[in-house]
PDB file of N, CA and C in Angstrom:
ATOM      1  N   UNK A   1       0.832  -1.957   0.285  1.00  0.00           N
ATOM      2  CA  UNK A   1       0.368  -0.098  -0.199  1.00  0.00           C
ATOM      3  C   UNK A   1       0.499   1.183   0.227  1.00  0.00           C
ATOM      4  N   UNK A   2       2.063   0.929   0.731  1.00  0.00           N
ATOM      5  CA  UNK A   2       2.890   2.416   0.969  1.00  0.00           C
ATOM      6  C   UNK A   2       3.036   2.835  -0.032  1.00  0.00           C
ATOM      7  N   UNK A   3       4.099   1.761  -1.531  1.00  0.00           N
ATOM      8  CA  UNK A   3       4.238   1.733  -2.505  1.00  0.00           C
ATOM      9  C   UNK A   3       3.419   2.324  -3.049  1.00  0.00           C
ATOM     10  N   UNK A   4       2.260   2.658  -3.039  1.00  0.00           N
ATOM     11  CA  UNK A   4       0.818   3.239  -4.017  1.00  0.00           C
ATOM     12  C   UNK A   4       1.374   4.627  -3.646  1.00  0.00           C
ATOM     13  N   UNK A   5       1.044   4.528  -2.698  1.00  0.00           N
ATOM     14  CA  UNK A   5       1.616   6.521  -2.195  1.00  0.00           C
ATOM     15  C   UNK A   5       2.500   7.367  -2.780  1.00  0.00           C
ATOM     16  N   UNK A   6       3.383   6.517  -2.273  1.00  0.00           N
ATOM     17  CA  UNK A   6       4.974   7.155  -2.240  1.00  0.00           C
ATOM     18  C   UNK A   6       5.411   7.439  -4.091  1.00  0.00           C
ATOM     19  N   UNK A   7       5.486   7.164  -4.706  1.00  0.00           N
ATOM     20  CA  UNK A   7       5.180   7.386  -6.623  1.00  0.00           C
ATOM     21  C   UNK A   7       4.453   8.918  -6.552  1.00  0.00           C
ATOM     22  N   UNK A   8       3.835   8.708  -6.376  1.00  0.00           N
ATOM     23  CA  UNK A   8       2.475   9.636  -7.023  1.00  0.00           C
ATOM     24  C   UNK A   8       2.904  11.335  -6.297  1.00  0.00           C
ATOM     25  N   UNK A   9       3.102  10.792  -4.904  1.00  0.00           N
ATOM     26  CA  UNK A   9       3.632  12.048  -3.900  1.00  0.00           C
ATOM     27  C   UNK A   9       5.283  12.449  -4.465  1.00  0.00           C
ATOM     28  N   UNK A  10       6.171  11.511  -5.099  1.00  0.00           N
ATOM     29  CA  UNK A  10       7.662  11.768  -5.061  1.00  0.00           C
ATOM     30  C   UNK A  10       6.824  11.948  -6.771  1.00  0.00           C
ATOM     31  N   UNK A  11       6.946  12.415  -7.268  1.00  0.00           N
ATOM     32  CA  UNK A  11       6.380  12.919  -8.535  1.00  0.00           C
ATOM     33  C   UNK A  11       5.471  13.835  -8.555  1.00  0.00           C
ATOM     34  N   UNK A  12       5.037  13.969  -7.244  1.00  0.00           N
ATOM     35  CA  UNK A  12       3.871  16.019  -7.539  1.00  0.00           C
ATOM     36  C   UNK A  12       5.791  16.587  -7.058  1.00  0.00           C
ATOM     37  N   UNK A  13       5.806  16.262  -6.284  1.00  0.00           N
ATOM     38  CA  UNK A  13       7.138  17.142  -5.975  1.00  0.00           C
ATOM     39  C   UNK A  13       8.271  17.290  -6.735  1.00  0.00           C
ATOM     40  N   UNK A  14       8.616  16.509  -7.195  1.00  0.00           N
ATOM     41  CA  UNK A  14      10.129  16.332  -8.428  1.00  0.00           C
ATOM     42  C   UNK A  14       8.914  17.503  -9.461  1.00  0.00           C
ATOM     43  N   UNK A  15       7.947  17.292  -9.626  1.00  0.00           N
ATOM     44  CA  UNK A  15       7.607  18.401 -10.558  1.00  0.00           C
ATOM     45  C   UNK A  15       6.944  19.622 -10.047  1.00  0.00           C
ATOM     46  N   UNK A  16       6.483  19.875  -8.872  1.00  0.00           N
ATOM     47  CA  UNK A  16       6.046  21.377  -8.143  1.00  0.00           C
ATOM     48  C   UNK A  16       7.621  21.695  -7.920  1.00  0.00           C
ATOM     49  N   UNK A  17       8.421  20.634  -6.969  1.00  0.00           N
ATOM     50  CA  UNK A  17       9.823  22.090  -6.996  1.00  0.00           C
ATOM     51  C   UNK A  17      10.185  22.404  -8.172  1.00  0.00           C
ATOM     52  N   UNK A  18      10.102  21.503  -9.178  1.00  0.00           N
ATOM     53  CA  UNK A  18      10.910  21.503 -10.062  1.00  0.00           C
ATOM     54  C   UNK A  18      10.542  23.562 -11.282  1.00  0.00           C
ATOM     55  N   UNK A  19       8.794  23.786 -10.932  1.00  0.00           N
ATOM     56  CA  UNK A  19       9.501  24.315 -11.166  1.00  0.00           C
ATOM     57  C   UNK A  19       9.222  25.362 -10.233  1.00  0.00           C
ATOM     58  N   UNK A  20       9.272  25.121  -9.019  1.00  0.00           N
ATOM     59  CA  UNK A  20       8.816  26.146  -8.173  1.00  0.00           C
ATOM     60  C   UNK A  20      10.360  27.365  -8.122  1.00  0.00           C
ATOM     61  N   UNK A  21      11.808  26.110  -8.707  1.00  0.00           N
ATOM     62  CA  UNK A  21      12.694  26.235  -8.402  1.00  0.00           C
ATOM     63  C   UNK A  21      12.725  28.070  -9.826  1.00  0.00           C
ATOM     64  N   UNK A  22      12.108  26.451 -11.114  1.00  0.00           N
ATOM     65  CA  UNK A  22      12.166  27.945 -12.160  1.00  0.00           C
ATOM     66  C   UNK A  22      11.690  28.992 -12.183  1.00  0.00           C
ATOM     67  N   UNK A  23      10.536  28.951 -11.236  1.00  0.00           N
ATOM     68  CA  UNK A  23      10.089  30.599 -11.604  1.00  0.00           C
ATOM     69  C   UNK A  23      11.031  31.228 -10.503  1.00  0.00           C
ATOM     70  N   UNK A  24      11.246  31.271  -9.380  1.00  0.00           N
ATOM     71  CA  UNK A  24      11.516  31.490  -8.694  1.00  0.00           C
ATOM     72  C   UNK A  24      13.481  32.110  -8.960  1.00  0.00           C
ATOM     73  N   UNK A  25      14.059  31.277 -10.120  1.00  0.00           N
ATOM     74  CA  UNK A  25      15.262  31.688 -10.589  1.00  0.00           C
ATOM     75  C   UNK A  25      15.053  32.278 -11.849  1.00  0.00           C
ATOM     76  N   UNK A  26      13.670  32.323 -11.702  1.00  0.00           N
ATOM     77  CA  UNK A  26      13.527  33.806 -13.963  1.00  0.00           C
ATOM     78  C   UNK A  26      12.867  34.857 -13.270  1.00  0.00           C
ATOM     79  N   UNK A  27      11.900  34.937 -12.609  1.00  0.00           N
ATOM     80  CA  UNK A  27      12.442  36.387 -11.257  1.00  0.00           C
ATOM     81  C   UNK A  27      13.068  37.108 -10.793  1.00  0.00           C
ATOM     82  N   UNK A  28      14.657  36.123 -10.503  1.00  0.00           N
ATOM     83  CA  UNK A  28      15.031  36.836  -9.722  1.00  0.00           C
ATOM     84  C   UNK A  28      16.152  37.247 -10.631  1.00  0.00           C
ATOM     85  N   UNK A  29      16.402  36.201 -11.908  1.00  0.00           N
ATOM     86  CA  UNK A  29      17.062  36.819 -12.467  1.00  0.00           C
ATOM     87  C   UNK A  29      16.800  37.516 -13.793  1.00  0.00           C
ATOM     88  N   UNK A  30      15.141  37.837 -14.039  1.00  0.00           N
ATOM     89  CA  UNK A  30      14.730  39.350 -14.879  1.00  0.00           C
ATOM     90  C   UNK A  30      14.291  40.482 -13.835  1.00  0.00           C
ATOM     91  N   UNK A  31      13.966  40.146 -12.207  1.00  0.00           N
ATOM     92  CA  UNK A  31      14.726  41.572 -12.055  1.00  0.00           C
ATOM     93  C   UNK A  31      16.045  42.140 -11.505  1.00  0.00           C
ATOM     94  N   UNK A  32      16.938  41.088 -12.145  1.00  0.00           N
ATOM     95  CA  UNK A  32      18.631  41.816 -12.277  1.00  0.00           C
ATOM     96  C   UNK A  32      18.982  42.092 -13.164  1.00  0.00           C
ATOM     97  N   UNK A  33      17.973  41.987 -14.363  1.00  0.00           N
ATOM     98  CA  UNK A  33      18.906  42.159 -15.734  1.00  0.00           C
ATOM     99  C   UNK A  33      17.487  43.760 -15.977  1.00  0.00           C
ATOM    100  N   UNK A  34      16.333  43.412 -15.870  1.00  0.00           N
ATOM    101  CA  UNK A  34      15.948  45.228 -15.448  1.00  0.00           C
ATOM    102  C   UNK A  34      17.119  46.117 -14.606  1.00  0.00           C
ATOM    103  N   UNK A  35      17.492  45.406 -13.442  1.00  0.00           N
ATOM    104  CA  UNK A  35      18.330  46.149 -12.330  1.00  0.00           C
ATOM    105  C   UNK A  35      18.949  46.976 -13.318  1.00  0.00           C
ATOM    106  N   UNK A  36      20.272  45.617 -13.935  1.00  0.00           N
ATOM    107  CA  UNK A  36      21.675  46.092 -14.608  1.00  0.00           C
ATOM    108  C   UNK A  36      21.091  47.219 -15.727  1.00  0.00           C
ATOM    109  N   UNK A  37      19.836  46.735 -17.027  1.00  0.00           N
ATOM    110  CA  UNK A  37      19.729  48.075 -17.791  1.00  0.00           C
ATOM    111  C   UNK A  37      19.132  49.043 -17.372  1.00  0.00           C
ATOM    112  N   UNK A  38      18.651  49.353 -15.867  1.00  0.00           N
ATOM    113  CA  UNK A  38      18.023  50.664 -15.611  1.00  0.00           C
ATOM    114  C   UNK A  38      19.181  51.384 -15.373  1.00  0.00           C
ATOM    115  N   UNK A  39      20.820  50.693 -14.706  1.00  0.00           N
ATOM    116  CA  UNK A  39      21.793  51.662 -14.352  1.00  0.00           C
ATOM    117  C   UNK A  39      22.751  51.759 -15.707  1.00  0.00           C
ATOM    118  N   UNK A  40      22.138  51.008 -16.689  1.00  0.00           N
ATOM    119  CA  UNK A  40      23.250  51.373 -17.226  1.00  0.00           C
ATOM    120  C   UNK A  40      22.870  50.665 -18.766  1.00  0.00           C
ATOM    121  N   UNK A  41      22.147  51.503 -19.318  1.00  0.00           N
ATOM    122  CA  UNK A  41      21.410  51.576 -20.751  1.00  0.00           C
ATOM    123  C   UNK A  41      22.205  50.656 -21.359  1.00  0.00           C
ATOM    124  N   UNK A  42      23.230  50.441 -21.830  1.00  0.00           N
ATOM    125  CA  UNK A  42      24.358  50.390 -23.146  1.00  0.00           C
ATOM    126  C   UNK A  42      24.533  49.385 -23.393  1.00  0.00           C
ATOM    127  N   UNK A  43      24.366  48.387 -22.446  1.00  0.00           N
ATOM    128  CA  UNK A  43      24.863  47.617 -21.630  1.00  0.00           C
ATOM    129  C   UNK A  43      23.369  46.424 -22.334  1.00  0.00           C
ATOM    130  N   UNK A  44      23.001  46.912 -22.655  1.00  0.00           N
ATOM    131  CA  UNK A  44      21.307  46.047 -22.259  1.00  0.00           C
ATOM    132  C   UNK A  44      21.381  45.893 -23.996  1.00  0.00           C
ATOM    133  N   UNK A  45      21.778  45.296 -24.630  1.00  0.00           N
ATOM    134  CA  UNK A  45      21.734  44.544 -26.115  1.00  0.00           C
ATOM    135  C   UNK A  45      23.438  43.205 -26.149  1.00  0.00           C
ATOM    136  N   UNK A  46      23.821  43.549 -24.602  1.00  0.00           N
ATOM    137  CA  UNK A  46      25.017  42.173 -25.115  1.00  0.00           C
ATOM    138  C   UNK A  46      24.253  41.697 -23.467  1.00  0.00           C
ATOM    139  N   UNK A  47      23.215  42.246 -22.579  1.00  0.00           N
ATOM    140  CA  UNK A  47      23.087  40.947 -21.563  1.00  0.00           C
ATOM    141  C   UNK A  47      21.814  40.679 -22.297  1.00  0.00           C
ATOM    142  N   UNK A  48      21.076  40.959 -23.196  1.00  0.00           N
ATOM    143  CA  UNK A  48      19.742  40.313 -23.564  1.00  0.00           C
ATOM    144  C   UNK A  48      20.001  38.630 -24.494  1.00  0.00           C
ATOM    145  N   UNK A  49      21.251  38.481 -24.827  1.00  0.00           N
ATOM    146  CA  UNK A  49      20.582  36.545 -25.398  1.00  0.00           C
ATOM    147  C   UNK A  49      21.538  36.020 -24.419  1.00  0.00           C
ATOM    148  N   UNK A  50      22.086  36.809 -23.690  1.00  0.00           N
ATOM    149  CA  UNK A  50      22.921  36.293 -22.124  1.00  0.00           C
ATOM    150  C   UNK A  50      20.937  35.531 -21.301  1.00  0.00           C
ATOM    151  N   UNK A  51      20.569  36.128 -20.847  1.00  0.00           N
ATOM    152  CA  UNK A  51      19.203  36.117 -20.138  1.00  0.00           C
ATOM    153  C   UNK A  51      18.179  35.409 -20.481  1.00  0.00           C
ATOM    154  N   UNK A  52      18.425  35.489 -22.146  1.00  0.00           N
ATOM    155  CA  UNK A  52      17.708  34.010 -22.677  1.00  0.00           C
ATOM    156  C   UNK A  52      18.103  32.989 -23.143  1.00  0.00           C
ATOM    157  N   UNK A  53      19.321  32.828 -23.002  1.00  0.00           N
ATOM    158  CA  UNK A  53      20.223  31.534 -22.846  1.00  0.00           C
ATOM    159  C   UNK A  53      19.782  30.814 -21.288  1.00  0.00           C
ATOM    160  N   UNK A  54      20.081  31.794 -20.077  1.00  0.00           N
ATOM    161  CA  UNK A  54      19.966  31.143 -19.034  1.00  0.00           C
ATOM    162  C   UNK A  54      18.304  31.589 -19.026  1.00  0.00           C
ATOM    163  N   UNK A  55      17.545  31.624 -19.204  1.00  0.00           N
ATOM    164  CA  UNK A  55      16.331  31.157 -19.235  1.00  0.00           C
ATOM    165  C   UNK A  55      15.221  30.053 -20.112  1.00  0.00           C
ATOM    166  N   UNK A  56      16.329  30.222 -20.962  1.00  0.00           N
ATOM    167  CA  UNK A  56      15.885  27.967 -21.569  1.00  0.00           C
ATOM    168  C   UNK A  56      16.896  27.075 -21.419  1.00  0.00           C
ATOM    169  N   UNK A  57      18.260  27.727 -20.310  1.00  0.00           N
ATOM    170  CA  UNK A  57      18.512  26.709 -19.730  1.00  0.00           C
ATOM    171  C   UNK A  57      17.612  26.063 -18.286  1.00  0.00           C
ATOM    172  N   UNK A  58      16.938  27.591 -17.308  1.00  0.00           N
ATOM    173  CA  UNK A  58      15.766  26.778 -16.501  1.00  0.00           C
ATOM    174  C   UNK A  58      15.019  25.991 -16.533  1.00  0.00           C
ATOM    175  N   UNK A  59      14.699  26.512 -17.803  1.00  0.00           N
ATOM    176  CA  UNK A  59      12.962  25.619 -18.227  1.00  0.00           C
ATOM    177  C   UNK A  59      13.527  24.488 -18.624  1.00  0.00           C
ATOM    178  N   UNK A  60      15.032  24.641 -19.422  1.00  0.00           N
ATOM    179  CA  UNK A  60      14.910  23.592 -19.649  1.00  0.00           C
ATOM    180  C   UNK A  60      14.868  22.250 -18.160  1.00  0.00           C
ATOM    181  N   UNK A  61      15.976  23.025 -17.376  1.00  0.00           N
ATOM    182  CA  UNK A  61      15.761  21.230 -16.544  1.00  0.00           C
ATOM    183  C   UNK A  61      14.138  21.647 -15.386  1.00  0.00           C
ATOM    184  N   UNK A  62      13.340  22.371 -15.825  1.00  0.00           N
ATOM    185  CA  UNK A  62      12.231  21.636 -15.456  1.00  0.00           C
ATOM    186  C   UNK A  62      11.210  20.832 -16.003  1.00  0.00           C
ATOM    187  N   UNK A  63      11.721  20.965 -17.792  1.00  0.00           N
ATOM    188  CA  UNK A  63      11.303  20.232 -18.600  1.00  0.00           C
ATOM    189  C   UNK A  63      11.554  18.964 -18.372  1.00  0.00           C
ATOM    190  N   UNK A  64      13.141  18.452 -17.848  1.00  0.00           N
ATOM    191  CA  UNK A  64      13.691  17.609 -17.749  1.00  0.00           C
ATOM    192  C   UNK A  64      13.058  16.755 -16.837  1.00  0.00           C
ATOM    193  N   UNK A  65      12.681  17.337 -15.152  1.00  0.00           N
ATOM    194  CA  UNK A  65      12.030  17.220 -14.210  1.00  0.00           C
ATOM    195  C   UNK A  65      10.802  15.958 -14.556  1.00  0.00           C
ATOM    196  N   UNK A  66       9.980  17.125 -14.950  1.00  0.00           N
ATOM    197  CA  UNK A  66       8.756  16.918 -15.524  1.00  0.00           C
ATOM    198  C   UNK A  66       8.894  15.529 -16.542  1.00  0.00           C
ATOM    199  N   UNK A  67       9.699  15.721 -17.722  1.00  0.00           N
ATOM    200  CA  UNK A  67       9.258  13.979 -18.400  1.00  0.00           C
ATOM    201  C   UNK A  67      10.125  12.827 -17.302  1.00  0.00           C
ATOM    202  N   UNK A  68      10.392  13.195 -16.344  1.00  0.00           N
ATOM    203  CA  UNK A  68      11.546  11.646 -15.500  1.00  0.00           C
ATOM    204  C   UNK A  68       9.675  11.506 -15.107  1.00  0.00           C
ATOM    205  N   UNK A  69      10.128  12.365 -13.914  1.00  0.00           N
ATOM    206  CA  UNK A  69       8.264  12.684 -13.261  1.00  0.00           C
ATOM    207  C   UNK A  69       7.242  11.631 -14.055  1.00  0.00           C
ATOM    208  N   UNK A  70       6.978  12.224 -15.194  1.00  0.00           N
ATOM    209  CA  UNK A  70       5.571  11.104 -15.959  1.00  0.00           C
ATOM    210  C   UNK A  70       6.647   9.669 -16.289  1.00  0.00           C
ATOM    211  N   UNK A  71       7.488  10.161 -16.242  1.00  0.00           N
ATOM    212  CA  UNK A  71       8.937   8.548 -16.290  1.00  0.00           C
ATOM    213  C   UNK A  71       8.494   7.397 -15.678  1.00  0.00           C
ATOM    214  N   UNK A  72       8.733   8.173 -14.680  1.00  0.00           N
ATOM    215  CA  UNK A  72       8.382   7.450 -13.153  1.00  0.00           C
ATOM    216  C   UNK A  72       6.837   7.146 -12.680  1.00  0.00           C
ATOM    217  N   UNK A  73       6.825   8.202 -13.499  1.00  0.00           N
ATOM    218  CA  UNK A  73       4.722   7.531 -12.726  1.00  0.00           C
ATOM    219  C   UNK A  73       4.050   6.754 -13.845  1.00  0.00           C
ATOM    220  N   UNK A  74       4.357   6.336 -15.572  1.00  0.00           N
ATOM    221  CA  UNK A  74       3.588   5.560 -15.874  1.00  0.00           C
ATOM    222  C   UNK A  74       4.292   4.401 -16.027  1.00  0.00           C
ATOM    223  N   UNK A  75       5.715   4.599 -16.204  1.00  0.00           N
ATOM    224  CA  UNK A  75       6.779   2.970 -16.193  1.00  0.00           C
ATOM    225  C   UNK A  75       7.123   3.024 -14.914  1.00  0.00           C
ATOM    226  N   UNK A  76       7.194   2.727 -14.830  1.00  0.00           N
ATOM    227  CA  UNK A  76       7.134   2.669 -13.356  1.00  0.00           C
ATOM    228  C   UNK A  76       8.710   1.792 -12.578  1.00  0.00           C
ATOM    229  N   UNK A  77      10.306   2.533 -13.463  1.00  0.00           N
ATOM    230  CA  UNK A  77      11.187   2.086 -13.861  1.00  0.00           C
ATOM    231  C   UNK A  77      11.556   1.386 -13.016  1.00  0.00           C
ATOM    232  N   UNK A  78      11.899   1.346 -11.310  1.00  0.00           N
ATOM    233  CA  UNK A  78      11.985   0.712 -10.185  1.00  0.00           C
ATOM    234  C   UNK A  78      10.576   0.003 -10.041  1.00  0.00           C
ATOM    235  N   UNK A  79      11.188  -1.508  -9.553  1.00  0.00           N
ATOM    236  CA  UNK A  79      10.514  -2.119  -9.482  1.00  0.00           C
ATOM    237  C   UNK A  79      10.490  -2.333  -8.122  1.00  0.00           C
ATOM    238  N   UNK A  80       9.297  -2.537  -7.136  1.00  0.00           N
ATOM    239  CA  UNK A  80       9.122  -3.117  -5.877  1.00  0.00           C
ATOM    240  C   UNK A  80       9.585  -4.499  -5.417  1.00  0.00           C
TER     241      UNK A  80
END
């Protein structure tokens, strides 16, 4: 019975904490980008590609966590 409860909870934590971390990371990065571009507007063009690259990496980590969570939930790769 406990195996049936542990898998959905672990998948939920994996997806939920991944989403939370990704959202916090993107929010902090965007606020620092806006702060830096307000202080030095001439650096905006140089910083923008870096911001988009880091946003893609943060979203990529979340998407990988979702894919692993769905794989664990549907395929059950660790039989008890």
